[in-house]
Amino acid sequence: MAVDDRTKGGFVLAIASGKGGTGKTTIAVNLAVALAEQGCRVQYVDCDVEEPNGHLFLKPTLQHSEAVGVPVPVIDAGKCTACGKCAEVCEYNAIAVLKTAMVFPELCHGCGGCMPVCPEDAIHAEPRIIGQLETGCAGKIGFVQGRMNVGEPMAPPLIRAAKRARIAEAIAILDAPPGTSCPVVTTVRDADYVILVTEPTPFGLNDLRLAVDLMRQLEKDFGVVINRAGIGNDDVRSYCTEERVQVLAEIPEDRKVAEAYSRGEMVNVIPAFKDAVLELVKVLENEIGKQR
C-alpha cells in the first residue's frame, strides 16, 4: 500500500483483551507509533476511561479538556401527580414513585425516555458530570482520553464522548477496557477490525474464549496477538487453530519489555518486540486496504 493511500486514514482499529495485564496498552501505543513512522495519520483514543494509562507512554501535550455529563431527570414536585408513567418507561429502575417521583442519578443512563411520557410536563434534564475528555497530540499522533470521576458506575457515556472526538481522516486506534462487559462493547461496536491481545496461560485462554465469543456475537472482524509467547503452553495457539481464529503475531517474553513498561517507556526499541509490531503493521495494511 502506498503512503498516500495510508495517510487517507478513516480506519477504526480496536485493541481489546479478555482480561487485564495482557499487554493491551503496550501493543496499542507501540502500534500507533509504528503506523505513524510508516507515514500514516494516526490518532490514539484511550477508551479505558476508568484507568487510562496510554498517556504514560505517549506523553502527549494536552491542548483541551472539557467536562462530560449525562442528562439526568429532575422532578418538579409541585407538578408531579405520582402517576408512575416515568418509572414504567425506565428500564434501569432509576426512578421510583411514592408520594412523588424520585430519581436515583447513578442508575440513570440519560436516555431521556421519561420526559415525553410525563403528562404534567414535570420532568426536565440537568447534566451530571461523570468525567473529563482530554485531547491533544503526542508528536504526530493525535491523542484522546476519557478520565472518569472516581466512584462513577457507568463508563459507556464517556467512552462514546471519546469516540466522537475521533478525526475522521486518521487511522483511529481505540484502546479498549479489559474484559467483555458493556464498556468493551461500546468501544468495539463500530470498529473496522479488532485485535485481541492474550497471553499463553490458562487464565489467558479462558478469557480469550469469552472475548472471541463476544466478537462473533457482534459480527466483528478480528485477530489475535499472543503476547509473552513462551511463558506458558501451546493451548492458546491450539484453540485459535481449532476455532479458525487468525493469529496475527506472537511477541516473545522479554524482561526488557517489562522493565521499559515499569518505567513508562516505549518498548519498540527492543528488536524482537519491534519486529513483531512491524509484522502486525503489514497485516493491518491488508485490512485497511480492504476498506478502500
C-alpha atoms as a PDB file:
ATOM      1  CA  MET A   1       0.000   0.000   0.000  1.00  0.00           C
ATOM      2  CA  ALA A   2       1.406   3.397  -0.960  1.00  0.00           C
ATOM      3  CA  VAL A   3       1.973   6.018   1.724  1.00  0.00           C
ATOM      4  CA  ASP A   4      -0.503   8.419   0.130  1.00  0.00           C
ATOM      5  CA  ASP A   5      -3.172   5.692   0.434  1.00  0.00           C
ATOM      6  CA  ARG A   6      -2.351   5.048   4.077  1.00  0.00           C
ATOM      7  CA  THR A   7      -2.463   8.693   5.056  1.00  0.00           C
ATOM      8  CA  LYS A   8      -6.092   8.912   3.966  1.00  0.00           C
ATOM      9  CA  GLY A   9      -6.953   7.042   7.165  1.00  0.00           C
ATOM     10  CA  GLY A  10     -10.562   6.595   8.185  1.00  0.00           C
ATOM     11  CA  PHE A  11      -9.899   3.092   9.557  1.00  0.00           C
ATOM     12  CA  VAL A  12     -11.014   2.258  13.106  1.00  0.00           C
ATOM     13  CA  LEU A  13      -8.913  -0.336  14.914  1.00  0.00           C
ATOM     14  CA  ALA A  14      -9.793  -1.503  18.428  1.00  0.00           C
ATOM     15  CA  ILE A  15      -7.269  -3.192  20.723  1.00  0.00           C
ATOM     16  CA  ALA A  16      -9.013  -5.339  23.331  1.00  0.00           C
ATOM     17  CA  SER A  17      -8.359  -8.196  25.732  1.00  0.00           C
ATOM     18  CA  GLY A  18     -10.439 -10.629  27.735  1.00  0.00           C
ATOM     19  CA  LYS A  19      -8.514  -9.761  30.895  1.00  0.00           C
ATOM     20  CA  GLY A  20      -6.238  -7.098  32.261  1.00  0.00           C
ATOM     21  CA  GLY A  21      -2.459  -7.366  32.258  1.00  0.00           C
ATOM     22  CA  THR A  22      -2.018  -8.961  28.839  1.00  0.00           C
ATOM     23  CA  GLY A  23      -0.094  -6.032  27.342  1.00  0.00           C
ATOM     24  CA  LYS A  24      -3.043  -4.483  25.505  1.00  0.00           C
ATOM     25  CA  THR A  25      -1.969  -0.875  26.015  1.00  0.00           C
ATOM     26  CA  THR A  26       1.673  -1.749  25.267  1.00  0.00           C
ATOM     27  CA  ILE A  27       0.564  -3.111  21.888  1.00  0.00           C
ATOM     28  CA  ALA A  28      -1.788  -0.180  21.243  1.00  0.00           C
ATOM     29  CA  VAL A  29       0.702   2.637  21.871  1.00  0.00           C
ATOM     30  CA  ASN A  30       3.579   0.941  20.056  1.00  0.00           C
ATOM     31  CA  LEU A  31       1.308   0.191  17.115  1.00  0.00           C
ATOM     32  CA  ALA A  32       0.316   3.858  16.984  1.00  0.00           C
ATOM     33  CA  VAL A  33       3.985   4.861  16.866  1.00  0.00           C
ATOM     34  CA  ALA A  34       4.841   2.246  14.228  1.00  0.00           C
ATOM     35  CA  LEU A  35       1.961   3.310  11.970  1.00  0.00           C
ATOM     36  CA  ALA A  36       2.937   6.973  12.329  1.00  0.00           C
ATOM     37  CA  GLU A  37       6.513   6.099  11.369  1.00  0.00           C
ATOM     38  CA  GLN A  38       5.127   4.377   8.260  1.00  0.00           C
ATOM     39  CA  GLY A  39       3.570   7.666   7.167  1.00  0.00           C
ATOM     40  CA  CYS A  40       0.031   7.119   8.431  1.00  0.00           C
ATOM     41  CA  ARG A  41      -2.063   9.786  10.064  1.00  0.00           C
ATOM     42  CA  VAL A  42      -2.846   8.177  13.432  1.00  0.00           C
ATOM     43  CA  GLN A  43      -4.980   9.016  16.424  1.00  0.00           C
ATOM     44  CA  TYR A  44      -4.784   7.113  19.712  1.00  0.00           C
ATOM     45  CA  VAL A  45      -8.061   7.069  21.668  1.00  0.00           C
ATOM     46  CA  ASP A  46      -7.856   5.749  25.237  1.00  0.00           C
ATOM     47  CA  CYS A  47     -11.293   4.279  25.946  1.00  0.00           C
ATOM     48  CA  ASP A  48     -10.179   2.643  29.191  1.00  0.00           C
ATOM     49  CA  VAL A  49     -11.705   5.615  30.981  1.00  0.00           C
ATOM     50  CA  GLU A  50     -11.572   4.122  34.476  1.00  0.00           C
ATOM     51  CA  GLU A  51      -7.794   3.641  34.303  1.00  0.00           C
ATOM     52  CA  PRO A  52      -6.374   5.457  31.256  1.00  0.00           C
ATOM     53  CA  ASN A  53      -2.626   4.915  31.062  1.00  0.00           C
ATOM     54  CA  GLY A  54      -1.689   5.408  27.406  1.00  0.00           C
ATOM     55  CA  HIS A  55      -0.544   8.916  28.328  1.00  0.00           C
ATOM     56  CA  LEU A  56       2.226   7.437  30.482  1.00  0.00           C
ATOM     57  CA  PHE A  57       3.909   6.103  27.333  1.00  0.00           C
ATOM     58  CA  LEU A  58       2.939   8.565  24.602  1.00  0.00           C
ATOM     59  CA  LYS A  59       3.460  11.574  26.899  1.00  0.00           C
ATOM     60  CA  PRO A  60       1.082  13.834  24.964  1.00  0.00           C
ATOM     61  CA  THR A  61       0.689  17.571  25.150  1.00  0.00           C
ATOM     62  CA  LEU A  62      -2.930  18.056  26.219  1.00  0.00           C
ATOM     63  CA  GLN A  63      -4.484  21.042  24.498  1.00  0.00           C
ATOM     64  CA  HIS A  64      -8.134  20.869  25.517  1.00  0.00           C
ATOM     65  CA  SER A  65     -10.216  19.497  28.381  1.00  0.00           C
ATOM     66  CA  GLU A  66     -13.961  19.506  28.778  1.00  0.00           C
ATOM     67  CA  ALA A  67     -16.429  18.074  31.261  1.00  0.00           C
ATOM     68  CA  VAL A  68     -18.674  15.250  30.075  1.00  0.00           C
ATOM     69  CA  GLY A  69     -22.094  14.872  31.629  1.00  0.00           C
ATOM     70  CA  VAL A  70     -25.103  12.594  31.487  1.00  0.00           C
ATOM     71  CA  PRO A  71     -28.544  14.260  31.296  1.00  0.00           C
ATOM     72  CA  VAL A  72     -30.392  13.241  34.450  1.00  0.00           C
ATOM     73  CA  PRO A  73     -34.099  13.911  35.039  1.00  0.00           C
ATOM     74  CA  VAL A  74     -35.127  16.404  37.697  1.00  0.00           C
ATOM     75  CA  ILE A  75     -38.668  16.184  39.073  1.00  0.00           C
ATOM     76  CA  ASP A  76     -40.814  19.258  39.717  1.00  0.00           C
ATOM     77  CA  ALA A  77     -42.586  18.068  42.870  1.00  0.00           C
ATOM     78  CA  GLY A  78     -45.199  20.797  42.504  1.00  0.00           C
ATOM     79  CA  LYS A  79     -46.352  19.391  39.154  1.00  0.00           C
ATOM     80  CA  CYS A  80     -45.806  15.665  39.768  1.00  0.00           C
ATOM     81  CA  THR A  81     -49.017  13.694  40.357  1.00  0.00           C
ATOM     82  CA  ALA A  82     -47.217  10.383  41.060  1.00  0.00           C
ATOM     83  CA  CYS A  83     -48.850   8.724  38.067  1.00  0.00           C
ATOM     84  CA  GLY A  84     -45.857   6.409  37.706  1.00  0.00           C
ATOM     85  CA  LYS A  85     -45.504   6.601  33.924  1.00  0.00           C
ATOM     86  CA  CYS A  86     -41.888   7.789  34.175  1.00  0.00           C
ATOM     87  CA  ALA A  87     -40.976   4.798  36.342  1.00  0.00           C
ATOM     88  CA  GLU A  88     -42.726   2.405  33.981  1.00  0.00           C
ATOM     89  CA  VAL A  89     -40.703   3.542  30.971  1.00  0.00           C
ATOM     90  CA  CYS A  90     -37.339   3.475  32.794  1.00  0.00           C
ATOM     91  CA  GLU A  91     -35.583   0.168  32.034  1.00  0.00           C
ATOM     92  CA  TYR A  92     -32.847   0.848  34.579  1.00  0.00           C
ATOM     93  CA  ASN A  93     -35.040   1.463  37.673  1.00  0.00           C
ATOM     94  CA  ALA A  94     -33.576   4.939  38.033  1.00  0.00           C
ATOM     95  CA  ILE A  95     -36.990   6.349  39.006  1.00  0.00           C
ATOM     96  CA  ALA A  96     -39.239   5.231  41.860  1.00  0.00           C
ATOM     97  CA  VAL A  97     -42.635   6.663  42.718  1.00  0.00           C
ATOM     98  CA  LEU A  98     -44.020   7.011  46.231  1.00  0.00           C
ATOM     99  CA  LYS A  99     -45.846  10.241  47.042  1.00  0.00           C
ATOM    100  CA  THR A 100     -43.857  11.777  44.200  1.00  0.00           C
ATOM    101  CA  ALA A 101     -41.303  10.535  41.696  1.00  0.00           C
ATOM    102  CA  MET A 102     -37.728  10.134  42.960  1.00  0.00           C
ATOM    103  CA  VAL A 103     -34.630   9.890  40.779  1.00  0.00           C
ATOM    104  CA  PHE A 104     -31.526   7.789  41.509  1.00  0.00           C
ATOM    105  CA  PRO A 105     -28.916   9.626  39.374  1.00  0.00           C
ATOM    106  CA  GLU A 106     -26.256   6.891  39.498  1.00  0.00           C
ATOM    107  CA  LEU A 107     -28.646   4.447  37.796  1.00  0.00           C
ATOM    108  CA  CYS A 108     -29.739   6.852  35.068  1.00  0.00           C
ATOM    109  CA  HIS A 109     -28.373   6.188  31.566  1.00  0.00           C
ATOM    110  CA  GLY A 110     -29.517   9.564  30.255  1.00  0.00           C
ATOM    111  CA  CYS A 111     -31.872   8.160  27.619  1.00  0.00           C
ATOM    112  CA  GLY A 112     -34.476  10.875  28.223  1.00  0.00           C
ATOM    113  CA  GLY A 113     -37.404   8.478  27.817  1.00  0.00           C
ATOM    114  CA  CYS A 114     -39.113   9.643  30.987  1.00  0.00           C
ATOM    115  CA  MET A 115     -39.670  13.234  29.856  1.00  0.00           C
ATOM    116  CA  PRO A 116     -42.015  12.772  26.883  1.00  0.00           C
ATOM    117  CA  VAL A 117     -44.269  10.323  28.777  1.00  0.00           C
ATOM    118  CA  CYS A 118     -44.903  12.704  31.683  1.00  0.00           C
ATOM    119  CA  PRO A 119     -48.463  14.068  31.216  1.00  0.00           C
ATOM    120  CA  GLU A 120     -47.805  17.023  33.556  1.00  0.00           C
ATOM    121  CA  ASP A 121     -44.515  18.135  31.954  1.00  0.00           C
ATOM    122  CA  ALA A 122     -42.983  17.766  35.427  1.00  0.00           C
ATOM    123  CA  ILE A 123     -39.574  16.489  34.308  1.00  0.00           C
ATOM    124  CA  HIS A 124     -36.614  18.322  32.853  1.00  0.00           C
ATOM    125  CA  ALA A 125     -32.988  17.212  32.454  1.00  0.00           C
ATOM    126  CA  GLU A 126     -29.841  18.599  34.010  1.00  0.00           C
ATOM    127  CA  PRO A 127     -26.313  17.315  33.331  1.00  0.00           C
ATOM    128  CA  ARG A 128     -24.491  15.236  35.934  1.00  0.00           C
ATOM    129  CA  ILE A 129     -20.739  15.430  35.307  1.00  0.00           C
ATOM    130  CA  ILE A 130     -19.154  11.975  35.122  1.00  0.00           C
ATOM    131  CA  GLY A 131     -15.628  12.802  33.921  1.00  0.00           C
ATOM    132  CA  GLN A 132     -13.333  14.738  31.636  1.00  0.00           C
ATOM    133  CA  LEU A 133     -12.498  14.416  27.938  1.00  0.00           C
ATOM    134  CA  GLU A 134      -8.916  15.448  27.148  1.00  0.00           C
ATOM    135  CA  THR A 135      -7.420  15.904  23.679  1.00  0.00           C
ATOM    136  CA  GLY A 136      -4.004  16.816  22.354  1.00  0.00           C
ATOM    137  CA  CYS A 137      -1.118  15.272  20.461  1.00  0.00           C
ATOM    138  CA  ALA A 138       1.987  13.165  21.009  1.00  0.00           C
ATOM    139  CA  GLY A 139       4.305  14.229  18.238  1.00  0.00           C
ATOM    140  CA  LYS A 140       2.486  13.344  15.008  1.00  0.00           C
ATOM    141  CA  ILE A 141      -0.040  11.159  16.845  1.00  0.00           C
ATOM    142  CA  GLY A 142      -3.401  12.630  17.769  1.00  0.00           C
ATOM    143  CA  PHE A 143      -4.372  11.847  21.349  1.00  0.00           C
ATOM    144  CA  VAL A 144      -7.754  11.480  23.071  1.00  0.00           C
ATOM    145  CA  GLN A 145      -8.552  10.128  26.507  1.00  0.00           C
ATOM    146  CA  GLY A 146     -11.539   9.955  28.786  1.00  0.00           C
ATOM    147  CA  ARG A 147     -10.943  10.213  32.520  1.00  0.00           C
ATOM    148  CA  MET A 148     -13.921   9.112  34.610  1.00  0.00           C
ATOM    149  CA  ASN A 149     -14.587  10.595  38.028  1.00  0.00           C
ATOM    150  CA  VAL A 150     -13.836   8.266  40.933  1.00  0.00           C
ATOM    151  CA  GLY A 151     -16.908   6.343  42.031  1.00  0.00           C
ATOM    152  CA  GLU A 152     -18.879   6.748  38.809  1.00  0.00           C
ATOM    153  CA  PRO A 153     -20.571   3.454  37.890  1.00  0.00           C
ATOM    154  CA  MET A 154     -21.050   3.842  34.126  1.00  0.00           C
ATOM    155  CA  ALA A 155     -18.240   4.241  31.622  1.00  0.00           C
ATOM    156  CA  PRO A 156     -20.101   3.995  28.253  1.00  0.00           C
ATOM    157  CA  PRO A 157     -21.244   7.667  28.047  1.00  0.00           C
ATOM    158  CA  LEU A 158     -17.656   8.871  28.482  1.00  0.00           C
ATOM    159  CA  ILE A 159     -16.363   6.266  26.018  1.00  0.00           C
ATOM    160  CA  ARG A 160     -18.868   7.473  23.441  1.00  0.00           C
ATOM    161  CA  ALA A 161     -17.687  11.058  24.003  1.00  0.00           C
ATOM    162  CA  ALA A 162     -14.072   9.964  23.434  1.00  0.00           C
ATOM    163  CA  LYS A 163     -15.031   8.221  20.200  1.00  0.00           C
ATOM    164  CA  ARG A 164     -16.887  11.305  18.979  1.00  0.00           C
ATOM    165  CA  ALA A 165     -13.594  13.204  19.215  1.00  0.00           C
ATOM    166  CA  ARG A 166     -12.106  10.919  16.583  1.00  0.00           C
ATOM    167  CA  ILE A 167     -10.561  12.530  13.499  1.00  0.00           C
ATOM    168  CA  ALA A 168     -12.366  11.040  10.504  1.00  0.00           C
ATOM    169  CA  GLU A 169      -9.299  11.142   8.228  1.00  0.00           C
ATOM    170  CA  ALA A 170      -6.982   9.356  10.689  1.00  0.00           C
ATOM    171  CA  ILE A 171      -6.448   5.710  11.494  1.00  0.00           C
ATOM    172  CA  ALA A 172      -8.002   5.558  14.954  1.00  0.00           C
ATOM    173  CA  ILE A 173      -6.590   3.129  17.491  1.00  0.00           C
ATOM    174  CA  LEU A 174      -9.170   2.557  20.228  1.00  0.00           C
ATOM    175  CA  ASP A 175      -7.564   1.211  23.410  1.00  0.00           C
ATOM    176  CA  ALA A 176     -10.486  -0.680  24.954  1.00  0.00           C
ATOM    177  CA  PRO A 177     -11.039  -1.512  28.625  1.00  0.00           C
ATOM    178  CA  PRO A 178     -10.228  -5.111  29.556  1.00  0.00           C
ATOM    179  CA  GLY A 179     -12.958  -7.745  29.798  1.00  0.00           C
ATOM    180  CA  THR A 180     -16.151  -8.372  27.863  1.00  0.00           C
ATOM    181  CA  SER A 181     -18.663  -6.059  29.568  1.00  0.00           C
ATOM    182  CA  CYS A 182     -20.619  -3.017  28.358  1.00  0.00           C
ATOM    183  CA  PRO A 183     -17.596  -0.643  28.164  1.00  0.00           C
ATOM    184  CA  VAL A 184     -15.855  -3.063  25.795  1.00  0.00           C
ATOM    185  CA  VAL A 185     -18.950  -3.444  23.631  1.00  0.00           C
ATOM    186  CA  THR A 186     -19.296   0.357  23.478  1.00  0.00           C
ATOM    187  CA  THR A 187     -15.667   0.662  22.360  1.00  0.00           C
ATOM    188  CA  VAL A 188     -15.532  -2.023  19.673  1.00  0.00           C
ATOM    189  CA  ARG A 189     -19.077  -1.830  18.311  1.00  0.00           C
ATOM    190  CA  ASP A 190     -18.224   0.294  15.242  1.00  0.00           C
ATOM    191  CA  ALA A 191     -14.570  -0.731  14.806  1.00  0.00           C
ATOM    192  CA  ASP A 192     -13.479  -1.949  11.377  1.00  0.00           C
ATOM    193  CA  TYR A 193     -11.152  -4.504  12.951  1.00  0.00           C
ATOM    194  CA  VAL A 194     -10.388  -5.741  16.474  1.00  0.00           C
ATOM    195  CA  ILE A 195      -7.102  -7.097  17.805  1.00  0.00           C
ATOM    196  CA  LEU A 196      -7.484  -9.334  20.857  1.00  0.00           C
ATOM    197  CA  VAL A 197      -4.322  -9.409  22.962  1.00  0.00           C
ATOM    198  CA  THR A 198      -3.856 -12.525  25.083  1.00  0.00           C
ATOM    199  CA  GLU A 199      -1.157 -14.490  26.867  1.00  0.00           C
ATOM    200  CA  PRO A 200      -0.404 -18.245  26.624  1.00  0.00           C
ATOM    201  CA  THR A 201      -1.674 -19.182  30.094  1.00  0.00           C
ATOM    202  CA  PRO A 202      -4.839 -20.965  31.345  1.00  0.00           C
ATOM    203  CA  PHE A 203      -6.218 -17.607  32.507  1.00  0.00           C
ATOM    204  CA  GLY A 204      -5.404 -16.041  29.151  1.00  0.00           C
ATOM    205  CA  LEU A 205      -7.127 -18.863  27.279  1.00  0.00           C
ATOM    206  CA  ASN A 206     -10.256 -18.721  29.443  1.00  0.00           C
ATOM    207  CA  ASP A 207     -10.727 -15.006  28.895  1.00  0.00           C
ATOM    208  CA  LEU A 208      -9.782 -15.235  25.220  1.00  0.00           C
ATOM    209  CA  ARG A 209     -12.675 -17.663  24.727  1.00  0.00           C
ATOM    210  CA  LEU A 210     -15.056 -15.097  26.208  1.00  0.00           C
ATOM    211  CA  ALA A 211     -13.624 -12.321  24.047  1.00  0.00           C
ATOM    212  CA  VAL A 212     -13.841 -14.411  20.867  1.00  0.00           C
ATOM    213  CA  ASP A 213     -17.477 -15.277  21.649  1.00  0.00           C
ATOM    214  CA  LEU A 214     -18.227 -11.568  22.081  1.00  0.00           C
ATOM    215  CA  MET A 215     -16.579 -10.616  18.774  1.00  0.00           C
ATOM    216  CA  ARG A 216     -18.609 -13.269  16.972  1.00  0.00           C
ATOM    217  CA  GLN A 217     -21.836 -12.087  18.554  1.00  0.00           C
ATOM    218  CA  LEU A 218     -21.007  -8.546  17.424  1.00  0.00           C
ATOM    219  CA  GLU A 219     -20.010  -9.891  13.973  1.00  0.00           C
ATOM    220  CA  LYS A 220     -16.637  -8.138  14.109  1.00  0.00           C
ATOM    221  CA  ASP A 221     -13.564  -8.937  12.020  1.00  0.00           C
ATOM    222  CA  PHE A 222     -10.803  -9.775  14.485  1.00  0.00           C
ATOM    223  CA  GLY A 223      -7.482 -11.494  15.035  1.00  0.00           C
ATOM    224  CA  VAL A 224      -5.320 -12.461  18.000  1.00  0.00           C
ATOM    225  CA  VAL A 225      -1.908 -11.311  19.197  1.00  0.00           C
ATOM    226  CA  ILE A 226      -0.217 -13.718  21.616  1.00  0.00           C
ATOM    227  CA  ASN A 227       1.912 -11.636  23.954  1.00  0.00           C
ATOM    228  CA  ARG A 228       4.660 -13.053  26.195  1.00  0.00           C
ATOM    229  CA  ALA A 229       4.914 -16.121  23.965  1.00  0.00           C
ATOM    230  CA  GLY A 230       6.951 -18.821  25.651  1.00  0.00           C
ATOM    231  CA  ILE A 231       5.832 -18.344  29.261  1.00  0.00           C
ATOM    232  CA  GLY A 232       3.041 -20.936  29.175  1.00  0.00           C
ATOM    233  CA  ASN A 233       1.960 -23.646  26.768  1.00  0.00           C
ATOM    234  CA  ASP A 234       0.513 -24.053  23.271  1.00  0.00           C
ATOM    235  CA  ASP A 235      -3.145 -24.221  24.342  1.00  0.00           C
ATOM    236  CA  VAL A 236      -3.946 -20.714  23.090  1.00  0.00           C
ATOM    237  CA  ARG A 237      -2.487 -21.411  19.662  1.00  0.00           C
ATOM    238  CA  SER A 238      -4.299 -24.789  19.513  1.00  0.00           C
ATOM    239  CA  TYR A 239      -7.554 -23.070  20.412  1.00  0.00           C
ATOM    240  CA  CYS A 240      -7.062 -20.478  17.665  1.00  0.00           C
ATOM    241  CA  THR A 241      -6.351 -23.247  15.145  1.00  0.00           C
ATOM    242  CA  GLU A 242      -9.449 -25.206  16.172  1.00  0.00           C
ATOM    243  CA  GLU A 243     -11.650 -22.111  16.064  1.00  0.00           C
ATOM    244  CA  ARG A 244     -10.077 -20.806  12.840  1.00  0.00           C
ATOM    245  CA  VAL A 245      -9.030 -17.583  14.516  1.00  0.00           C
ATOM    246  CA  GLN A 246      -6.118 -15.815  12.845  1.00  0.00           C
ATOM    247  CA  VAL A 247      -3.011 -15.359  14.990  1.00  0.00           C
ATOM    248  CA  LEU A 248      -1.659 -12.029  13.782  1.00  0.00           C
ATOM    249  CA  ALA A 249       1.600 -12.089  15.728  1.00  0.00           C
ATOM    250  CA  GLU A 250       3.411 -13.753  18.603  1.00  0.00           C
ATOM    251  CA  ILE A 251       5.550 -11.478  20.737  1.00  0.00           C
ATOM    252  CA  PRO A 252       8.159 -13.333  22.784  1.00  0.00           C
ATOM    253  CA  GLU A 253       8.571 -12.863  26.519  1.00  0.00           C
ATOM    254  CA  ASP A 254      11.344 -10.383  27.217  1.00  0.00           C
ATOM    255  CA  ARG A 255      12.231  -8.966  30.603  1.00  0.00           C
ATOM    256  CA  LYS A 256      13.392  -5.751  28.940  1.00  0.00           C
ATOM    257  CA  VAL A 257       9.812  -5.120  27.790  1.00  0.00           C
ATOM    258  CA  ALA A 258       8.554  -5.387  31.377  1.00  0.00           C
ATOM    259  CA  GLU A 259      11.353  -3.120  32.598  1.00  0.00           C
ATOM    260  CA  ALA A 260      10.553  -0.486  29.965  1.00  0.00           C
ATOM    261  CA  TYR A 261       6.841  -0.707  30.793  1.00  0.00           C
ATOM    262  CA  SER A 262       7.515  -0.217  34.508  1.00  0.00           C
ATOM    263  CA  ARG A 263       9.403   2.994  33.682  1.00  0.00           C
ATOM    264  CA  GLY A 264       6.621   4.278  31.430  1.00  0.00           C
ATOM    265  CA  GLU A 265       8.820   3.987  28.348  1.00  0.00           C
ATOM    266  CA  MET A 266       8.026   2.928  24.805  1.00  0.00           C
ATOM    267  CA  VAL A 267       9.296  -0.582  24.100  1.00  0.00           C
ATOM    268  CA  ASN A 268       9.512  -0.602  20.297  1.00  0.00           C
ATOM    269  CA  VAL A 269      13.277  -0.184  20.545  1.00  0.00           C
ATOM    270  CA  ILE A 270      13.587  -3.828  21.649  1.00  0.00           C
ATOM    271  CA  PRO A 271      14.371  -5.762  18.425  1.00  0.00           C
ATOM    272  CA  ALA A 272      12.060  -8.772  18.918  1.00  0.00           C
ATOM    273  CA  PHE A 273       9.165  -6.573  20.003  1.00  0.00           C
ATOM    274  CA  LYS A 274       9.672  -4.042  17.222  1.00  0.00           C
ATOM    275  CA  ASP A 275       9.885  -6.803  14.599  1.00  0.00           C
ATOM    276  CA  ALA A 276       6.590  -8.267  15.820  1.00  0.00           C
ATOM    277  CA  VAL A 277       4.887  -4.864  15.746  1.00  0.00           C
ATOM    278  CA  LEU A 278       6.125  -4.198  12.213  1.00  0.00           C
ATOM    279  CA  GLU A 279       4.782  -7.579  11.095  1.00  0.00           C
ATOM    280  CA  LEU A 280       1.489  -6.592  12.664  1.00  0.00           C
ATOM    281  CA  VAL A 281       1.541  -3.337  10.694  1.00  0.00           C
ATOM    282  CA  LYS A 282       1.845  -5.336   7.467  1.00  0.00           C
ATOM    283  CA  VAL A 283      -1.185  -7.423   8.405  1.00  0.00           C
ATOM    284  CA  LEU A 284      -3.161  -4.301   9.222  1.00  0.00           C
ATOM    285  CA  GLU A 285      -2.242  -2.688   5.905  1.00  0.00           C
ATOM    286  CA  ASN A 286      -4.076  -5.544   4.211  1.00  0.00           C
ATOM    287  CA  GLU A 287      -7.106  -4.999   6.446  1.00  0.00           C
ATOM    288  CA  ILE A 288      -7.031  -1.242   5.790  1.00  0.00           C
ATOM    289  CA  GLY A 289      -6.732  -1.948   2.063  1.00  0.00           C
ATOM    290  CA  LYS A 290      -9.953  -3.983   2.175  1.00  0.00           C
ATOM    291  CA  GLN A 291     -11.814  -0.854   3.316  1.00  0.00           C
ATOM    292  CA  ARG A 292     -10.687   1.233   0.322  1.00  0.00           C
END
